[in-house]
Protein backbone atom coordinates (compact mmCIF):
# COMPACT_ATOMS: atom_id res chain seq x y z
CA THR A 1 -14.20 -4.04 28.99
CA SER A 2 -16.58 -5.41 31.59
CA HIS A 3 -18.90 -7.89 29.75
CA HIS A 4 -21.32 -10.32 31.48
CA GLY A 5 -20.72 -8.71 34.87
CA VAL A 6 -17.10 -9.79 34.81
CA PRO A 7 -14.07 -7.46 34.08
CA TYR A 8 -11.73 -8.63 31.21
CA SER A 9 -8.75 -10.60 32.11
CA LEU A 10 -6.60 -13.28 30.71
CA THR A 11 -7.49 -16.15 33.00
CA GLU A 12 -5.14 -18.92 34.13
CA GLU A 13 -7.34 -21.39 32.32
CA PHE A 14 -6.51 -19.62 29.03
CA VAL A 15 -2.99 -19.53 29.82
CA ALA A 16 -3.04 -23.30 30.75
CA VAL A 17 -4.67 -24.39 27.55
CA TYR A 18 -2.42 -22.31 25.55
CA ARG A 19 0.57 -24.42 26.35
CA MET A 20 1.05 -25.84 22.95
CA HIS A 21 4.89 -26.36 22.70
CA PRO A 22 4.56 -29.65 20.86
CA LEU A 23 3.78 -27.40 17.73
CA LEU A 24 7.39 -26.65 17.62
CA PRO A 25 9.49 -29.26 15.71
CA ASP A 26 13.07 -30.05 16.95
CA ASP A 27 14.57 -29.94 13.35
CA PHE A 28 14.02 -27.55 10.51
CA THR A 29 14.82 -27.90 6.75
CA PHE A 30 15.34 -24.78 4.86
CA ARG A 31 14.75 -24.74 1.13
CA SER A 32 15.21 -22.20 -1.89
CA SER A 33 12.11 -20.25 -2.50
CA LYS A 34 13.15 -20.45 -6.35
CA SER A 35 14.02 -24.06 -6.88
CA GLY A 36 12.91 -25.91 -3.65
CA GLU A 37 16.18 -27.45 -3.28
CA VAL A 38 17.49 -27.92 0.36
CA MET A 39 19.88 -25.21 1.66
CA GLN A 40 20.39 -25.91 5.24
CA GLU A 41 19.13 -28.19 7.94
CA HIS A 42 19.27 -27.07 11.65
CA SER A 43 17.94 -27.96 15.04
CA PHE A 44 15.93 -25.51 16.81
CA PRO A 45 18.87 -24.56 19.10
CA GLU A 46 20.85 -23.60 16.08
CA LEU A 47 18.28 -20.98 15.08
CA GLY A 48 17.18 -19.45 18.37
CA ALA A 49 18.24 -16.35 20.23
CA LEU A 50 21.94 -15.60 19.48
CA GLN A 51 21.94 -17.45 16.26
CA ALA A 52 18.80 -16.17 14.56
CA ARG A 53 20.43 -13.18 12.72
CA THR A 54 23.27 -15.28 11.49
CA ARG A 55 20.83 -17.92 9.98
CA LEU A 56 18.77 -15.28 8.36
CA GLU A 57 21.75 -13.58 6.75
CA GLU A 58 22.84 -17.03 5.39
CA LEU A 59 19.55 -18.05 4.16
CA THR A 60 17.63 -14.65 3.40
CA VAL A 61 14.38 -13.77 4.79
CA ALA A 62 12.57 -14.93 1.63
CA ASN A 63 13.84 -18.42 1.82
CA ALA A 64 13.23 -18.60 5.46
CA PHE A 65 9.65 -17.61 4.99
CA TYR A 66 9.18 -20.13 2.27
CA SER A 67 10.64 -22.93 4.28
CA LEU A 68 8.39 -22.29 7.21
CA GLY A 69 5.44 -21.77 4.82
CA VAL A 70 5.73 -25.27 3.37
CA ALA A 71 6.59 -27.02 6.58
CA HIS A 72 3.93 -28.49 9.05
CA PRO A 73 3.68 -27.85 12.93
CA GLY A 74 4.00 -30.78 15.19
CA ALA A 75 0.84 -32.60 16.50
CA ILE A 76 -0.19 -31.45 20.03
CA THR A 77 -0.10 -34.91 21.81
CA LEU A 78 1.67 -36.78 24.29
CA HIS A 79 5.22 -37.79 23.45
CA ASN A 80 5.72 -35.02 21.14
CA TYR A 81 7.09 -32.39 23.33
CA PRO A 82 10.27 -30.80 21.77
CA ARG A 83 13.32 -32.48 23.01
CA PHE A 84 15.27 -29.17 23.05
CA LEU A 85 12.81 -27.69 25.49
CA GLN A 86 13.08 -30.49 27.88
CA HIS A 87 16.80 -29.57 27.98
CA PHE A 88 16.54 -25.90 27.24
CA GLU A 89 19.72 -23.89 27.70
CA ARG A 90 19.25 -20.17 28.14
CA PRO A 91 21.84 -17.67 26.86
CA ASP A 92 23.23 -17.47 30.28
CA GLY A 93 23.84 -21.14 30.48
CA THR A 94 20.84 -21.91 32.85
CA ILE A 95 19.32 -25.34 31.93
CA LEU A 96 15.38 -25.66 32.05
CA ASP A 97 13.13 -28.56 31.50
CA LEU A 98 10.10 -26.44 30.24
CA ALA A 99 7.81 -29.65 30.06
CA ALA A 100 8.12 -30.12 33.79
CA THR A 101 7.86 -26.45 34.37
CA ASP A 102 4.56 -26.13 32.40
CA VAL A 103 3.08 -28.85 34.54
CA LEU A 104 4.50 -27.30 37.73
CA ARG A 105 3.05 -23.73 36.89
CA ASN A 106 -0.39 -25.01 36.41
CA ARG A 107 -0.26 -26.94 39.97
CA GLU A 108 1.22 -23.84 41.63
CA ARG A 109 -1.23 -21.39 40.28
CA GLY A 110 -4.30 -23.60 41.30
CA VAL A 111 -5.42 -24.64 37.94
CA PRO A 112 -7.63 -27.79 38.43
CA ARG A 113 -6.41 -31.30 37.45
CA TYR A 114 -7.93 -32.56 34.05
CA ASN A 115 -11.19 -34.10 35.19
CA ASP A 116 -12.08 -31.35 37.72
CA PHE A 117 -11.26 -28.79 35.02
CA ARG A 118 -13.76 -30.48 32.75
CA CYS A 119 -16.39 -30.62 35.44
CA LEU A 120 -16.08 -26.89 36.00
CA PHE A 121 -16.72 -26.42 32.29
CA HIS A 122 -19.90 -28.49 32.53
CA LEU A 123 -18.12 -31.28 30.41
CA LYS A 124 -18.39 -35.02 31.22
CA PRO A 125 -15.21 -36.17 33.17
CA ALA A 126 -13.51 -39.18 31.96
CA GLU A 127 -14.52 -42.34 34.00
CA THR A 128 -11.40 -44.41 32.92
CA PHE A 129 -7.90 -43.90 31.62
CA ASP A 130 -9.09 -45.51 28.40
CA GLU A 131 -12.00 -43.40 27.87
CA LEU A 132 -9.71 -40.44 28.30
CA THR A 133 -7.42 -41.17 25.54
CA GLY A 134 -8.22 -43.99 23.38
CA ASN A 135 -4.62 -44.88 23.08
CA ALA A 136 -3.85 -48.08 25.21
CA SER A 137 -0.21 -47.22 25.54
CA TRP A 138 -0.92 -43.78 26.83
CA ALA A 139 -3.55 -45.06 29.13
CA SER A 140 -1.11 -47.48 30.68
CA GLU A 141 1.61 -44.98 31.17
CA MET A 142 -0.79 -42.52 32.67
CA ARG A 143 -2.06 -45.21 35.21
CA GLN A 144 1.50 -45.98 36.27
CA VAL A 145 2.55 -42.35 36.56
CA TYR A 146 -0.60 -41.34 38.50
CA ASP A 147 -0.76 -44.46 40.50
CA ASN A 148 -4.05 -45.47 38.93
CA ASP A 149 -5.75 -42.32 40.28
CA LEU A 150 -7.60 -40.69 37.40
CA SER A 151 -8.42 -37.45 39.36
CA ARG A 152 -4.66 -36.74 39.82
CA VAL A 153 -4.00 -36.50 35.94
CA ASP A 154 -2.71 -32.97 35.26
CA LEU A 155 -4.57 -30.80 32.86
CA MET A 156 -1.80 -30.59 30.36
CA VAL A 157 -1.26 -34.17 30.28
CA GLY A 158 -5.00 -34.82 29.84
CA LEU A 159 -5.29 -32.31 27.01
CA TYR A 160 -2.35 -33.86 25.12
CA ALA A 161 -3.85 -37.38 25.60
CA GLU A 162 -7.47 -36.52 25.01
CA ARG A 163 -9.30 -38.01 22.05
CA LEU A 164 -9.82 -35.35 19.35
CA PRO A 165 -13.02 -34.64 17.54
CA ARG A 166 -12.92 -35.20 13.79
CA GLY A 167 -10.96 -32.35 12.10
CA PHE A 168 -9.60 -30.89 15.41
CA GLY A 169 -5.84 -30.29 15.93
CA PHE A 170 -6.15 -29.87 19.63
CA SER A 171 -8.51 -31.17 22.28
CA ASP A 172 -12.23 -30.26 22.63
CA THR A 173 -11.56 -29.15 26.26
CA ALA A 174 -8.97 -26.64 25.14
CA PHE A 175 -11.40 -25.51 22.41
CA ARG A 176 -14.07 -24.64 25.06
CA VAL A 177 -11.69 -22.23 26.72
CA PHE A 178 -10.59 -20.66 23.34
CA SER A 179 -14.17 -20.19 22.20
CA LEU A 180 -14.89 -18.30 25.35
CA MET A 181 -11.65 -16.34 25.41
CA ALA A 182 -11.02 -15.43 21.83
CA PRO A 183 -14.27 -13.48 21.11
CA ARG A 184 -13.87 -11.86 24.61
CA ARG A 185 -10.52 -10.60 23.69
CA LEU A 186 -11.89 -8.89 20.57
CA LYS A 187 -14.93 -7.26 21.96
CA SER A 188 -13.03 -5.92 24.91
CA ASP A 189 -10.54 -4.21 22.86
CA ARG A 190 -11.80 -0.74 21.79
CA PHE A 191 -9.52 -0.70 18.69
CA PHE A 192 -11.68 -3.63 17.38
CA THR A 193 -15.06 -2.27 18.49
CA SER A 194 -15.91 1.39 19.52
CA ASP A 195 -12.69 2.92 18.03
CA TYR A 196 -12.58 0.90 14.80
CA THR A 197 -13.45 3.95 12.92
CA PRO A 198 -11.93 6.26 10.23
CA ASP A 199 -11.46 8.95 12.77
CA VAL A 200 -9.07 6.83 14.62
CA TYR A 201 -7.60 4.79 11.85
CA THR A 202 -8.07 7.20 8.88
CA LYS A 203 -10.08 6.18 5.83
CA MET A 204 -6.90 4.84 4.21
CA GLY A 205 -6.00 2.82 7.30
CA ILE A 206 -9.49 1.20 7.51
CA GLU A 207 -9.33 0.34 3.77
CA TRP A 208 -5.79 -1.22 4.33
CA ILE A 209 -7.04 -3.39 7.22
CA ASN A 210 -10.25 -4.47 5.51
CA ASP A 211 -8.51 -5.22 2.10
CA THR A 212 -5.23 -6.45 3.16
CA THR A 213 -4.25 -10.18 3.96
CA MET A 214 -1.29 -11.72 5.58
CA ALA A 215 -0.26 -12.87 1.99
CA ASP A 216 -0.61 -9.33 0.71
CA ILE A 217 1.72 -8.18 3.43
CA ILE A 218 4.43 -10.90 2.62
CA LEU A 219 4.18 -10.41 -1.19
CA ARG A 220 4.52 -6.62 -0.59
CA HIS A 221 7.99 -7.13 0.79
CA TYR A 222 8.90 -10.42 -0.83
CA PRO A 223 7.07 -10.63 -4.29
CA GLN A 224 9.32 -13.59 -5.39
CA LEU A 225 7.24 -15.59 -2.83
CA LYS A 226 4.22 -15.25 -5.11
CA PRO A 227 4.39 -18.94 -6.53
CA GLY A 228 4.41 -20.28 -3.09
CA LEU A 229 1.37 -18.26 -2.08
CA GLN A 230 -0.65 -18.42 -5.35
CA GLY A 231 -4.01 -19.90 -4.82
CA VAL A 232 -3.54 -20.30 -1.10
CA ASP A 233 -6.61 -18.85 0.67
CA ASN A 234 -4.74 -18.23 4.08
CA ALA A 235 -1.16 -17.59 4.45
CA PHE A 236 -1.19 -19.60 7.56
CA SER A 237 -2.28 -22.76 5.76
CA PRO A 238 0.73 -24.84 3.98
CA TRP A 239 2.11 -23.19 0.85
CA ASN A 240 2.69 -24.42 -2.53
CA THR A 241 5.82 -26.36 -2.83
CA ILE A 242 8.20 -25.31 -5.52
CA SER A 243 9.24 -27.98 -8.03
CA GLY A 244 12.49 -29.54 -6.97
CA GLY A 245 11.62 -30.11 -3.41
CA ALA A 246 8.83 -31.30 -1.26
CA GLY A 247 7.42 -29.65 1.85
CA THR A 248 8.47 -31.23 5.07
């Protein structure tokens, strides 16, 4: 696993750019996979931890899968961090502000601030708050929070505020780290490389891996979801909505 003279590891930089909690919505709408009609609406805390099994028993897994399949994730931007994670109550009653914790973890672990981080990746640092974000309101807020000192902007804040390249769902800065680490994870795993053979997986196992998609796996267990996945190239893309209810 030692490539390019460096032993494989998950770096703090990778962990830092993987903080994508804004993808999680605060509220969920669950629909029937047969009719598309709304069955239940819940906030995230009503779905997590101790409530998860109860909700699945009420909804069925097929309806839950369909509902998540037609839903869309949140935008990875400023002012879109889930409210429930800013006041997250653990099963033991402990209250945690995960947004503040994410920022603090980067600071404690020595992850550079936004502009220094970009410089270390040979990227041009932002010269002004307006250049960083392109959103005048956010630029003004960051000036106030960081006392008009651009060098103090935390990495996570900068990533969420950054102008996005056309077609991107997250910042170009984060993309640079992903483009380094994602292939490194694959080529450092023997089960994707030297041991990706019929001797290890068996001939049938290799065929299953090569010929099976995520949609195939879902439909194997829940064939009633076929209308939602028909014609969808990737099960992680938005599914077809069933007549009678629109996706959320």
